[in-house]
PDB file of all heavy atoms in Angstrom:
ATOM      1  N   MET A   1     115.603 121.216 112.599  1.00  0.00           N
ATOM      2  CA  MET A   1     115.848 122.544 112.062  1.00  0.00           C
ATOM      3  C   MET A   1     114.621 123.231 111.651  1.00  0.00           C
ATOM      4  O   MET A   1     114.461 124.481 111.934  1.00  0.00           O
ATOM      5  CB  MET A   1     116.859 122.528 110.970  1.00  0.00           C
ATOM      6  CG  MET A   1     118.318 122.013 111.345  1.00  0.00           C
ATOM      7  SD  MET A   1     119.375 121.747 109.955  1.00  0.00           S
ATOM      8  CE  MET A   1     119.467 123.460 109.314  1.00  0.00           C
ATOM      9  N   TYR A   2     113.748 122.575 110.907  1.00  0.00           N
ATOM     10  CA  TYR A   2     112.667 123.199 110.205  1.00  0.00           C
ATOM     11  C   TYR A   2     111.252 122.644 110.721  1.00  0.00           C
ATOM     12  O   TYR A   2     110.227 123.149 110.139  1.00  0.00           O
ATOM     13  CB  TYR A   2     112.670 122.950 108.749  1.00  0.00           C
ATOM     14  CG  TYR A   2     114.009 123.501 108.128  1.00  0.00           C
ATOM     15  CD1 TYR A   2     114.948 122.597 107.727  1.00  0.00           C
ATOM     16  CD2 TYR A   2     114.267 124.786 108.049  1.00  0.00           C
ATOM     17  CE1 TYR A   2     116.188 122.991 107.124  1.00  0.00           C
ATOM     18  CE2 TYR A   2     115.494 125.280 107.599  1.00  0.00           C
ATOM     19  CZ  TYR A   2     116.484 124.395 107.116  1.00  0.00           C
ATOM     20  OH  TYR A   2     117.654 124.774 106.516  1.00  0.00           O
ATOM     21  N   GLY A   3     111.251 121.841 111.621  1.00  0.00           N
ATOM     22  CA  GLY A   3     109.964 121.236 112.037  1.00  0.00           C
ATOM     23  C   GLY A   3     109.487 120.064 111.160  1.00  0.00           C
ATOM     24  O   GLY A   3     110.281 119.618 110.363  1.00  0.00           O
ATOM     25  N   SER A   4     108.253 119.704 111.267  1.00  0.00           N
ATOM     26  CA  SER A   4     107.744 118.668 110.440  1.00  0.00           C
ATOM     27  C   SER A   4     107.826 118.845 108.987  1.00  0.00           C
ATOM     28  O   SER A   4     107.904 117.886 108.211  1.00  0.00           O
ATOM     29  CB  SER A   4     106.280 118.353 110.856  1.00  0.00           C
ATOM     30  OG  SER A   4     105.503 119.501 110.544  1.00  0.00           O
ATOM     31  N   VAL A   5     107.970 120.082 108.544  1.00  0.00           N
ATOM     32  CA  VAL A   5     108.092 120.458 107.145  1.00  0.00           C
ATOM     33  C   VAL A   5     109.319 119.860 106.538  1.00  0.00           C
ATOM     34  O   VAL A   5     109.425 119.402 105.389  1.00  0.00           O
ATOM     35  CB  VAL A   5     108.201 121.969 106.912  1.00  0.00           C
ATOM     36  CG1 VAL A   5     108.468 122.356 105.490  1.00  0.00           C
ATOM     37  CG2 VAL A   5     106.795 122.610 107.363  1.00  0.00           C
ATOM     38  N   GLY A   6     110.406 119.683 107.348  1.00  0.00           N
ATOM     39  CA  GLY A   6     111.647 119.163 106.813  1.00  0.00           C
ATOM     40  C   GLY A   6     111.588 117.632 106.541  1.00  0.00           C
ATOM     41  O   GLY A   6     112.397 117.140 105.729  1.00  0.00           O
ATOM     42  N   VAL A   7     110.581 116.850 107.095  1.00  0.00           N
ATOM     43  CA  VAL A   7     110.634 115.401 106.938  1.00  0.00           C
ATOM     44  C   VAL A   7     110.413 115.033 105.434  1.00  0.00           C
ATOM     45  O   VAL A   7     111.185 114.253 104.869  1.00  0.00           O
ATOM     46  CB  VAL A   7     109.680 114.738 107.939  1.00  0.00           C
ATOM     47  CG1 VAL A   7     109.495 113.328 107.527  1.00  0.00           C
ATOM     48  CG2 VAL A   7     110.018 114.975 109.277  1.00  0.00           C
ATOM     49  N   PRO A   8     109.236 115.508 104.775  1.00  0.00           N
ATOM     50  CA  PRO A   8     109.113 114.973 103.442  1.00  0.00           C
ATOM     51  C   PRO A   8     110.218 115.671 102.514  1.00  0.00           C
ATOM     52  O   PRO A   8     110.568 115.017 101.479  1.00  0.00           O
ATOM     53  CB  PRO A   8     107.651 115.578 103.059  1.00  0.00           C
ATOM     54  CG  PRO A   8     107.474 116.678 103.996  1.00  0.00           C
ATOM     55  CD  PRO A   8     108.161 116.303 105.268  1.00  0.00           C
ATOM     56  N   TRP A   9     110.675 116.803 102.760  1.00  0.00           N
ATOM     57  CA  TRP A   9     111.799 117.368 101.948  1.00  0.00           C
ATOM     58  C   TRP A   9     113.058 116.589 102.097  1.00  0.00           C
ATOM     59  O   TRP A   9     113.717 116.315 101.063  1.00  0.00           O
ATOM     60  CB  TRP A   9     112.033 118.873 102.299  1.00  0.00           C
ATOM     61  CG  TRP A   9     111.004 119.768 101.805  1.00  0.00           C
ATOM     62  CD1 TRP A   9     110.071 120.459 102.519  1.00  0.00           C
ATOM     63  CD2 TRP A   9     110.879 120.118 100.411  1.00  0.00           C
ATOM     64  NE1 TRP A   9     109.295 121.210 101.649  1.00  0.00           N
ATOM     65  CE2 TRP A   9     109.710 121.039 100.332  1.00  0.00           C
ATOM     66  CE3 TRP A   9     111.453 119.923  99.205  1.00  0.00           C
ATOM     67  CZ2 TRP A   9     109.265 121.578  99.086  1.00  0.00           C
ATOM     68  CZ3 TRP A   9     111.017 120.327  98.028  1.00  0.00           C
ATOM     69  CH2 TRP A   9     109.899 121.253  97.976  1.00  0.00           C
ATOM     70  N   ALA A  10     113.367 116.102 103.266  1.00  0.00           N
ATOM     71  CA  ALA A  10     114.505 115.186 103.455  1.00  0.00           C
ATOM     72  C   ALA A  10     114.290 113.931 102.663  1.00  0.00           C
ATOM     73  O   ALA A  10     115.258 113.377 102.066  1.00  0.00           O
ATOM     74  CB  ALA A  10     114.759 114.921 104.862  1.00  0.00           C
ATOM     75  N   MET A  11     113.142 113.377 102.728  1.00  0.00           N
ATOM     76  CA  MET A  11     112.807 112.092 101.976  1.00  0.00           C
ATOM     77  C   MET A  11     112.959 112.330 100.492  1.00  0.00           C
ATOM     78  O   MET A  11     113.590 111.544  99.746  1.00  0.00           O
ATOM     79  CB  MET A  11     111.481 111.684 102.325  1.00  0.00           C
ATOM     80  CG  MET A  11     110.680 110.805 101.345  1.00  0.00           C
ATOM     81  SD  MET A  11     111.445 109.169 101.152  1.00  0.00           S
ATOM     82  CE  MET A  11     110.640 108.766  99.570  1.00  0.00           C
ATOM     83  N   SER A  12     112.432 113.439  99.960  1.00  0.00           N
ATOM     84  CA  SER A  12     112.490 113.736  98.527  1.00  0.00           C
ATOM     85  C   SER A  12     113.871 113.821  98.066  1.00  0.00           C
ATOM     86  O   SER A  12     114.313 113.441  97.024  1.00  0.00           O
ATOM     87  CB  SER A  12     111.636 115.000  98.211  1.00  0.00           C
ATOM     88  OG  SER A  12     110.335 114.861  98.677  1.00  0.00           O
ATOM     89  N   ILE A  13     114.741 114.655  98.905  1.00  0.00           N
ATOM     90  CA  ILE A  13     116.115 114.821  98.465  1.00  0.00           C
ATOM     91  C   ILE A  13     116.886 113.579  98.470  1.00  0.00           C
ATOM     92  O   ILE A  13     117.584 113.225  97.469  1.00  0.00           O
ATOM     93  CB  ILE A  13     116.801 115.872  99.447  1.00  0.00           C
ATOM     94  CG1 ILE A  13     116.140 117.279  99.242  1.00  0.00           C
ATOM     95  CG2 ILE A  13     118.310 115.843  99.210  1.00  0.00           C
ATOM     96  CD1 ILE A  13     116.524 118.215 100.451  1.00  0.00           C
ATOM     97  N   CYS A  14     116.800 112.717  99.491  1.00  0.00           N
ATOM     98  CA  CYS A  14     117.518 111.487  99.553  1.00  0.00           C
ATOM     99  C   CYS A  14     117.121 110.482  98.477  1.00  0.00           C
ATOM    100  O   CYS A  14     117.881 109.847  97.816  1.00  0.00           O
ATOM    101  CB  CYS A  14     117.338 110.758 100.963  1.00  0.00           C
ATOM    102  SG  CYS A  14     118.267 111.647 102.206  1.00  0.00           S
ATOM    103  N   TYR A  15     115.780 110.381  98.292  1.00  0.00           N
ATOM    104  CA  TYR A  15     115.285 109.472  97.303  1.00  0.00           C
ATOM    105  C   TYR A  15     115.590 109.950  95.900  1.00  0.00           C
ATOM    106  O   TYR A  15     115.882 109.112  95.053  1.00  0.00           O
ATOM    107  CB  TYR A  15     113.676 109.400  97.436  1.00  0.00           C
ATOM    108  CG  TYR A  15     113.072 108.082  96.943  1.00  0.00           C
ATOM    109  CD1 TYR A  15     112.968 106.975  97.746  1.00  0.00           C
ATOM    110  CD2 TYR A  15     112.661 108.057  95.627  1.00  0.00           C
ATOM    111  CE1 TYR A  15     112.432 105.792  97.304  1.00  0.00           C
ATOM    112  CE2 TYR A  15     112.066 106.776  95.143  1.00  0.00           C
ATOM    113  CZ  TYR A  15     111.969 105.724  95.980  1.00  0.00           C
ATOM    114  OH  TYR A  15     111.387 104.539  95.463  1.00  0.00           O
ATOM    115  N   GLY A  16     115.472 111.169  95.630  1.00  0.00           N
ATOM    116  CA  GLY A  16     115.792 111.762  94.373  1.00  0.00           C
ATOM    117  C   GLY A  16     117.285 111.641  93.945  1.00  0.00           C
ATOM    118  O   GLY A  16     117.635 111.565  92.815  1.00  0.00           O
ATOM    119  N   ILE A  17     118.219 111.530  95.013  1.00  0.00           N
ATOM    120  CA  ILE A  17     119.659 111.431  94.682  1.00  0.00           C
ATOM    121  C   ILE A  17     120.146 109.958  94.831  1.00  0.00           C
ATOM    122  O   ILE A  17     120.878 109.531  93.922  1.00  0.00           O
ATOM    123  CB  ILE A  17     120.420 112.380  95.721  1.00  0.00           C
ATOM    124  CG1 ILE A  17     120.035 113.791  95.410  1.00  0.00           C
ATOM    125  CG2 ILE A  17     121.880 112.136  95.520  1.00  0.00           C
ATOM    126  CD1 ILE A  17     120.653 114.845  96.414  1.00  0.00           C
ATOM    127  N   LEU A  18     119.697 109.277  95.820  1.00  0.00           N
ATOM    128  CA  LEU A  18     120.258 107.977  96.096  1.00  0.00           C
ATOM    129  C   LEU A  18     119.489 106.814  95.518  1.00  0.00           C
ATOM    130  O   LEU A  18     120.027 105.674  95.379  1.00  0.00           O
ATOM    131  CB  LEU A  18     120.288 107.736  97.582  1.00  0.00           C
ATOM    132  CG  LEU A  18     121.143 108.818  98.360  1.00  0.00           C
ATOM    133  CD1 LEU A  18     121.052 108.465  99.869  1.00  0.00           C
ATOM    134  CD2 LEU A  18     122.602 108.756  97.881  1.00  0.00           C
ATOM    135  N   VAL A  19     118.242 107.002  95.117  1.00  0.00           N
ATOM    136  CA  VAL A  19     117.419 105.874  94.566  1.00  0.00           C
ATOM    137  C   VAL A  19     116.923 106.070  93.102  1.00  0.00           C
ATOM    138  O   VAL A  19     117.246 105.290  92.166  1.00  0.00           O
ATOM    139  CB  VAL A  19     116.212 105.646  95.421  1.00  0.00           C
ATOM    140  CG1 VAL A  19     115.452 104.477  94.826  1.00  0.00           C
ATOM    141  CG2 VAL A  19     116.659 105.153  96.902  1.00  0.00           C
ATOM    142  N   LEU A  20     116.264 107.220  92.879  1.00  0.00           N
ATOM    143  CA  LEU A  20     115.621 107.395  91.597  1.00  0.00           C
ATOM    144  C   LEU A  20     116.531 107.305  90.355  1.00  0.00           C
ATOM    145  O   LEU A  20     116.261 106.473  89.446  1.00  0.00           O
ATOM    146  CB  LEU A  20     114.914 108.744  91.563  1.00  0.00           C
ATOM    147  CG  LEU A  20     114.146 109.091  90.277  1.00  0.00           C
ATOM    148  CD1 LEU A  20     113.135 108.045  89.859  1.00  0.00           C
ATOM    149  CD2 LEU A  20     113.429 110.461  90.495  1.00  0.00           C
ATOM    150  N   PRO A  21     117.675 108.096  90.257  1.00  0.00           N
ATOM    151  CA  PRO A  21     118.454 107.970  89.052  1.00  0.00           C
ATOM    152  C   PRO A  21     119.073 106.651  88.903  1.00  0.00           C
ATOM    153  O   PRO A  21     119.293 106.186  87.733  1.00  0.00           O
ATOM    154  CB  PRO A  21     119.442 109.094  89.281  1.00  0.00           C
ATOM    155  CG  PRO A  21     119.525 109.358  90.728  1.00  0.00           C
ATOM    156  CD  PRO A  21     118.188 109.028  91.286  1.00  0.00           C
ATOM    157  N   TRP A  22     119.402 105.951  89.906  1.00  0.00           N
ATOM    158  CA  TRP A  22     120.151 104.697  89.878  1.00  0.00           C
ATOM    159  C   TRP A  22     119.113 103.622  89.374  1.00  0.00           C
ATOM    160  O   TRP A  22     119.533 102.647  88.619  1.00  0.00           O
ATOM    161  CB  TRP A  22     120.842 104.344  91.102  1.00  0.00           C
ATOM    162  CG  TRP A  22     121.800 105.437  91.535  1.00  0.00           C
ATOM    163  CD1 TRP A  22     121.617 106.417  92.449  1.00  0.00           C
ATOM    164  CD2 TRP A  22     123.090 105.741  90.891  1.00  0.00           C
ATOM    165  NE1 TRP A  22     122.634 107.236  92.491  1.00  0.00           N
ATOM    166  CE2 TRP A  22     123.543 106.904  91.503  1.00  0.00           C
ATOM    167  CE3 TRP A  22     123.759 105.159  89.823  1.00  0.00           C
ATOM    168  CZ2 TRP A  22     124.741 107.405  91.150  1.00  0.00           C
ATOM    169  CZ3 TRP A  22     124.919 105.673  89.466  1.00  0.00           C
ATOM    170  CH2 TRP A  22     125.483 106.814  90.124  1.00  0.00           C
ATOM    171  N   ILE A  23     117.892 103.644  89.965  1.00  0.00           N
ATOM    172  CA  ILE A  23     116.923 102.607  89.611  1.00  0.00           C
ATOM    173  C   ILE A  23     116.481 102.772  88.179  1.00  0.00           C
ATOM    174  O   ILE A  23     116.279 101.862  87.431  1.00  0.00           O
ATOM    175  CB  ILE A  23     115.717 102.651  90.529  1.00  0.00           C
ATOM    176  CG1 ILE A  23     115.173 101.206  90.762  1.00  0.00           C
ATOM    177  CG2 ILE A  23     114.608 103.518  90.103  1.00  0.00           C
ATOM    178  CD1 ILE A  23     115.971 100.281  91.598  1.00  0.00           C
ATOM    179  N   GLN A  24     116.465 104.028  87.670  1.00  0.00           N
ATOM    180  CA  GLN A  24     116.130 104.287  86.303  1.00  0.00           C
ATOM    181  C   GLN A  24     117.248 103.736  85.336  1.00  0.00           C
ATOM    182  O   GLN A  24     116.976 103.030  84.430  1.00  0.00           O
ATOM    183  CB  GLN A  24     115.961 105.811  86.090  1.00  0.00           C
ATOM    184  CG  GLN A  24     114.606 106.411  86.538  1.00  0.00           C
ATOM    185  CD  GLN A  24     114.637 107.903  86.191  1.00  0.00           C
ATOM    186  OE1 GLN A  24     115.529 108.575  86.659  1.00  0.00           O
ATOM    187  NE2 GLN A  24     113.528 108.362  85.707  1.00  0.00           N
ATOM    188  N   ARG A  25     118.457 104.053  85.737  1.00  0.00           N
ATOM    189  CA  ARG A  25     119.634 103.676  84.963  1.00  0.00           C
ATOM    190  C   ARG A  25     119.756 102.159  84.926  1.00  0.00           C
ATOM    191  O   ARG A  25     119.971 101.673  83.777  1.00  0.00           O
ATOM    192  CB  ARG A  25     120.923 104.284  85.545  1.00  0.00           C
ATOM    193  CG  ARG A  25     122.151 103.894  84.943  1.00  0.00           C
ATOM    194  CD  ARG A  25     123.364 104.514  85.539  1.00  0.00           C
ATOM    195  NE  ARG A  25     124.588 104.171  84.876  1.00  0.00           N
ATOM    196  CZ  ARG A  25     125.862 104.502  85.312  1.00  0.00           C
ATOM    197  NH1 ARG A  25     125.935 105.238  86.390  1.00  0.00           N
ATOM    198  NH2 ARG A  25     126.888 104.144  84.555  1.00  0.00           N
ATOM    199  N   TYR A  26     119.498 101.481  85.984  1.00  0.00           N
ATOM    200  CA  TYR A  26     119.702 100.028  85.971  1.00  0.00           C
ATOM    201  C   TYR A  26     118.583  99.335  85.121  1.00  0.00           C
ATOM    202  O   TYR A  26     118.882  98.505  84.317  1.00  0.00           O
ATOM    203  CB  TYR A  26     119.662  99.473  87.431  1.00  0.00           C
ATOM    204  CG  TYR A  26     120.054  98.031  87.491  1.00  0.00           C
ATOM    205  CD1 TYR A  26     121.404  97.604  87.546  1.00  0.00           C
ATOM    206  CD2 TYR A  26     119.099  97.024  87.558  1.00  0.00           C
ATOM    207  CE1 TYR A  26     121.687  96.309  87.538  1.00  0.00           C
ATOM    208  CE2 TYR A  26     119.463  95.708  87.576  1.00  0.00           C
ATOM    209  CZ  TYR A  26     120.710  95.362  87.643  1.00  0.00           C
ATOM    210  OH  TYR A  26     121.114  94.037  87.658  1.00  0.00           O
ATOM    211  N   ALA A  27     117.304  99.774  85.308  1.00  0.00           N
ATOM    212  CA  ALA A  27     116.225  99.233  84.559  1.00  0.00           C
ATOM    213  C   ALA A  27     116.444  99.464  83.161  1.00  0.00           C
ATOM    214  O   ALA A  27     116.187  98.630  82.216  1.00  0.00           O
ATOM    215  CB  ALA A  27     114.949  99.783  85.084  1.00  0.00           C
ATOM    216  N   LYS A  28     116.712 100.650  82.696  1.00  0.00           N
ATOM    217  CA  LYS A  28     116.905 101.048  81.310  1.00  0.00           C
ATOM    218  C   LYS A  28     118.018 100.192  80.684  1.00  0.00           C
ATOM    219  O   LYS A  28     117.941  99.765  79.609  1.00  0.00           O
ATOM    220  CB  LYS A  28     117.136 102.514  81.216  1.00  0.00           C
ATOM    221  CG  LYS A  28     115.793 103.416  81.417  1.00  0.00           C
ATOM    222  CD  LYS A  28     116.117 104.857  81.185  1.00  0.00           C
ATOM    223  CE  LYS A  28     114.856 105.682  81.457  1.00  0.00           C
ATOM    224  NZ  LYS A  28     115.119 107.096  81.246  1.00  0.00           N
ATOM    225  N   HIS A  29     119.152 100.096  81.422  1.00  0.00           N
ATOM    226  CA  HIS A  29     120.252  99.360  81.020  1.00  0.00           C
ATOM    227  C   HIS A  29     119.841  97.887  80.625  1.00  0.00           C
ATOM    228  O   HIS A  29     120.228  97.353  79.549  1.00  0.00           O
ATOM    229  CB  HIS A  29     121.403  99.278  82.048  1.00  0.00           C
ATOM    230  CG  HIS A  29     122.586  98.427  81.695  1.00  0.00           C
ATOM    231  ND1 HIS A  29     123.379  98.696  80.744  1.00  0.00           N
ATOM    232  CD2 HIS A  29     122.914  97.297  82.250  1.00  0.00           C
ATOM    233  CE1 HIS A  29     124.288  97.757  80.606  1.00  0.00           C
ATOM    234  NE2 HIS A  29     124.060  96.852  81.536  1.00  0.00           N
ATOM    235  N   ARG A  30     119.053  97.270  81.587  1.00  0.00           N
ATOM    236  CA  ARG A  30     118.576  95.895  81.283  1.00  0.00           C
ATOM    237  C   ARG A  30     117.647  95.821  80.064  1.00  0.00           C
ATOM    238  O   ARG A  30     117.766  94.923  79.270  1.00  0.00           O
ATOM    239  CB  ARG A  30     117.909  95.322  82.535  1.00  0.00           C
ATOM    240  CG  ARG A  30     118.589  95.532  83.816  1.00  0.00           C
ATOM    241  CD  ARG A  30     120.062  94.779  83.720  1.00  0.00           C
ATOM    242  NE  ARG A  30     119.931  93.428  83.649  1.00  0.00           N
ATOM    243  CZ  ARG A  30     120.940  92.559  83.685  1.00  0.00           C
ATOM    244  NH1 ARG A  30     122.236  93.111  83.696  1.00  0.00           N
ATOM    245  NH2 ARG A  30     120.725  91.330  83.452  1.00  0.00           N
ATOM    246  N   LEU A  31     116.811  96.920  79.928  1.00  0.00           N
ATOM    247  CA  LEU A  31     115.880  96.861  78.838  1.00  0.00           C
ATOM    248  C   LEU A  31     116.390  97.200  77.490  1.00  0.00           C
ATOM    249  O   LEU A  31     115.895  96.739  76.459  1.00  0.00           O
ATOM    250  CB  LEU A  31     114.726  97.827  79.222  1.00  0.00           C
ATOM    251  CG  LEU A  31     113.773  97.552  80.254  1.00  0.00           C
ATOM    252  CD1 LEU A  31     112.819  98.686  80.495  1.00  0.00           C
ATOM    253  CD2 LEU A  31     113.011  96.235  79.915  1.00  0.00           C
ATOM    254  N   ASN A  32     117.543  97.920  77.492  1.00  0.00           N
ATOM    255  CA  ASN A  32     118.273  98.178  76.182  1.00  0.00           C
ATOM    256  C   ASN A  32     119.133  97.173  75.673  1.00  0.00           C
ATOM    257  O   ASN A  32     119.772  97.301  74.555  1.00  0.00           O
ATOM    258  CB  ASN A  32     118.972  99.485  76.447  1.00  0.00           C
ATOM    259  CG  ASN A  32     118.126 100.772  76.474  1.00  0.00           C
ATOM    260  OD1 ASN A  32     117.049 100.753  75.854  1.00  0.00           O
ATOM    261  ND2 ASN A  32     118.523 101.714  77.183  1.00  0.00           N
ATOM    262  N   ARG A  33     119.246  95.972  76.371  1.00  0.00           N
ATOM    263  CA  ARG A  33     120.147  95.025  75.959  1.00  0.00           C
ATOM    264  C   ARG A  33     119.561  94.327  74.662  1.00  0.00           C
ATOM    265  O   ARG A  33     118.360  94.187  74.623  1.00  0.00           O
ATOM    266  CB  ARG A  33     120.320  93.905  76.989  1.00  0.00           C
ATOM    267  CG  ARG A  33     121.156  94.377  78.102  1.00  0.00           C
ATOM    268  CD  ARG A  33     121.570  93.278  79.081  1.00  0.00           C
ATOM    269  NE  ARG A  33     122.549  93.744  79.959  1.00  0.00           N
ATOM    270  CZ  ARG A  33     123.500  92.864  80.480  1.00  0.00           C
ATOM    271  NH1 ARG A  33     123.504  91.645  80.182  1.00  0.00           N
ATOM    272  NH2 ARG A  33     124.348  93.358  81.323  1.00  0.00           N
ATOM    273  N   ASP A  34     120.431  93.944  73.695  1.00  0.00           N
ATOM    274  CA  ASP A  34     119.790  93.233  72.555  1.00  0.00           C
ATOM    275  C   ASP A  34     119.501  91.844  72.844  1.00  0.00           C
ATOM    276  O   ASP A  34     119.813  91.256  73.964  1.00  0.00           O
ATOM    277  CB  ASP A  34     120.803  93.465  71.373  1.00  0.00           C
ATOM    278  CG  ASP A  34     122.139  92.788  71.608  1.00  0.00           C
ATOM    279  OD1 ASP A  34     122.301  91.885  72.383  1.00  0.00           O
ATOM    280  OD2 ASP A  34     123.138  93.283  71.035  1.00  0.00           O
ATOM    281  N   GLY A  35     119.017  91.186  71.760  1.00  0.00           N
ATOM    282  CA  GLY A  35     118.554  89.729  71.951  1.00  0.00           C
ATOM    283  C   GLY A  35     119.671  88.821  72.440  1.00  0.00           C
ATOM    284  O   GLY A  35     119.425  87.911  73.234  1.00  0.00           O
ATOM    285  N   SER A  36     120.920  89.054  72.071  1.00  0.00           N
ATOM    286  CA  SER A  36     121.998  88.092  72.368  1.00  0.00           C
ATOM    287  C   SER A  36     122.273  88.272  73.813  1.00  0.00           C
ATOM    288  O   SER A  36     122.987  87.411  74.379  1.00  0.00           O
ATOM    289  CB  SER A  36     123.198  88.407  71.512  1.00  0.00           C
ATOM    290  OG  SER A  36     123.692  89.718  71.730  1.00  0.00           O
ATOM    291  N   GLN A  37     121.890  89.308  74.462  1.00  0.00           N
ATOM    292  CA  GLN A  37     122.320  89.656  75.831  1.00  0.00           C
ATOM    293  C   GLN A  37     121.131  89.410  76.777  1.00  0.00           C
ATOM    294  O   GLN A  37     121.231  89.722  77.973  1.00  0.00           O
ATOM    295  CB  GLN A  37     122.888  90.988  76.022  1.00  0.00           C
ATOM    296  CG  GLN A  37     124.159  91.164  75.254  1.00  0.00           C
ATOM    297  CD  GLN A  37     124.691  92.589  75.321  1.00  0.00           C
ATOM    298  OE1 GLN A  37     123.899  93.503  75.023  1.00  0.00           O
ATOM    299  NE2 GLN A  37     125.820  92.851  75.787  1.00  0.00           N
ATOM    300  N   LYS A  38     119.975  88.948  76.328  1.00  0.00           N
ATOM    301  CA  LYS A  38     118.832  88.848  77.162  1.00  0.00           C
ATOM    302  C   LYS A  38     119.033  87.843  78.352  1.00  0.00           C
ATOM    303  O   LYS A  38     118.249  87.907  79.348  1.00  0.00           O
ATOM    304  CB  LYS A  38     117.540  88.403  76.348  1.00  0.00           C
ATOM    305  CG  LYS A  38     117.038  89.557  75.462  1.00  0.00           C
ATOM    306  CD  LYS A  38     115.982  89.134  74.633  1.00  0.00           C
ATOM    307  CE  LYS A  38     115.503  90.258  73.713  1.00  0.00           C
ATOM    308  NZ  LYS A  38     114.469  89.924  72.735  1.00  0.00           N
ATOM    309  N   ARG A  39     119.949  86.982  78.227  1.00  0.00           N
ATOM    310  CA  ARG A  39     120.131  86.075  79.348  1.00  0.00           C
ATOM    311  C   ARG A  39     120.552  86.830  80.606  1.00  0.00           C
ATOM    312  O   ARG A  39     120.527  86.220  81.665  1.00  0.00           O
ATOM    313  CB  ARG A  39     121.210  85.045  78.970  1.00  0.00           C
ATOM    314  CG  ARG A  39     122.526  85.628  78.702  1.00  0.00           C
ATOM    315  CD  ARG A  39     123.617  84.582  78.324  1.00  0.00           C
ATOM    316  NE  ARG A  39     124.888  85.204  78.058  1.00  0.00           N
ATOM    317  CZ  ARG A  39     125.319  85.677  76.937  1.00  0.00           C
ATOM    318  NH1 ARG A  39     124.483  85.780  75.874  1.00  0.00           N
ATOM    319  NH2 ARG A  39     126.529  86.167  76.742  1.00  0.00           N
ATOM    320  N   GLY A  40     121.039  88.060  80.429  1.00  0.00           N
ATOM    321  CA  GLY A  40     121.348  88.866  81.592  1.00  0.00           C
ATOM    322  C   GLY A  40     120.142  89.037  82.636  1.00  0.00           C
ATOM    323  O   GLY A  40     120.415  89.315  83.790  1.00  0.00           O
ATOM    324  N   TRP A  41     118.903  88.930  82.164  1.00  0.00           N
ATOM    325  CA  TRP A  41     117.821  88.986  83.045  1.00  0.00           C
ATOM    326  C   TRP A  41     117.800  87.751  84.071  1.00  0.00           C
ATOM    327  O   TRP A  41     117.135  87.917  85.117  1.00  0.00           O
ATOM    328  CB  TRP A  41     116.468  88.930  82.262  1.00  0.00           C
ATOM    329  CG  TRP A  41     116.210  90.188  81.592  1.00  0.00           C
ATOM    330  CD1 TRP A  41     116.438  90.489  80.360  1.00  0.00           C
ATOM    331  CD2 TRP A  41     115.587  91.349  82.190  1.00  0.00           C
ATOM    332  NE1 TRP A  41     115.998  91.820  80.079  1.00  0.00           N
ATOM    333  CE2 TRP A  41     115.507  92.291  81.157  1.00  0.00           C
ATOM    334  CE3 TRP A  41     115.103  91.658  83.508  1.00  0.00           C
ATOM    335  CZ2 TRP A  41     114.904  93.546  81.378  1.00  0.00           C
ATOM    336  CZ3 TRP A  41     114.533  92.854  83.677  1.00  0.00           C
ATOM    337  CH2 TRP A  41     114.470  93.873  82.686  1.00  0.00           C
ATOM    338  N   CYS A  42     118.519  86.770  83.786  1.00  0.00           N
ATOM    339  CA  CYS A  42     118.525  85.570  84.622  1.00  0.00           C
ATOM    340  C   CYS A  42     119.865  85.452  85.444  1.00  0.00           C
ATOM    341  O   CYS A  42     120.235  84.318  85.871  1.00  0.00           O
ATOM    342  CB  CYS A  42     118.271  84.311  83.726  1.00  0.00           C
ATOM    343  SG  CYS A  42     116.800  84.323  82.835  1.00  0.00           S
TER     344      CYS A  42
END
């Protein structure tokens, strides 16, 4: 539709929606666990 310009924008949109928020959420969830739950890393 837009030529080569559309390729990085498509990548940014998909990554920003399908990867970035979820990887942040998962990592922060693991890091926010207290000491009694640290075994979750394993």
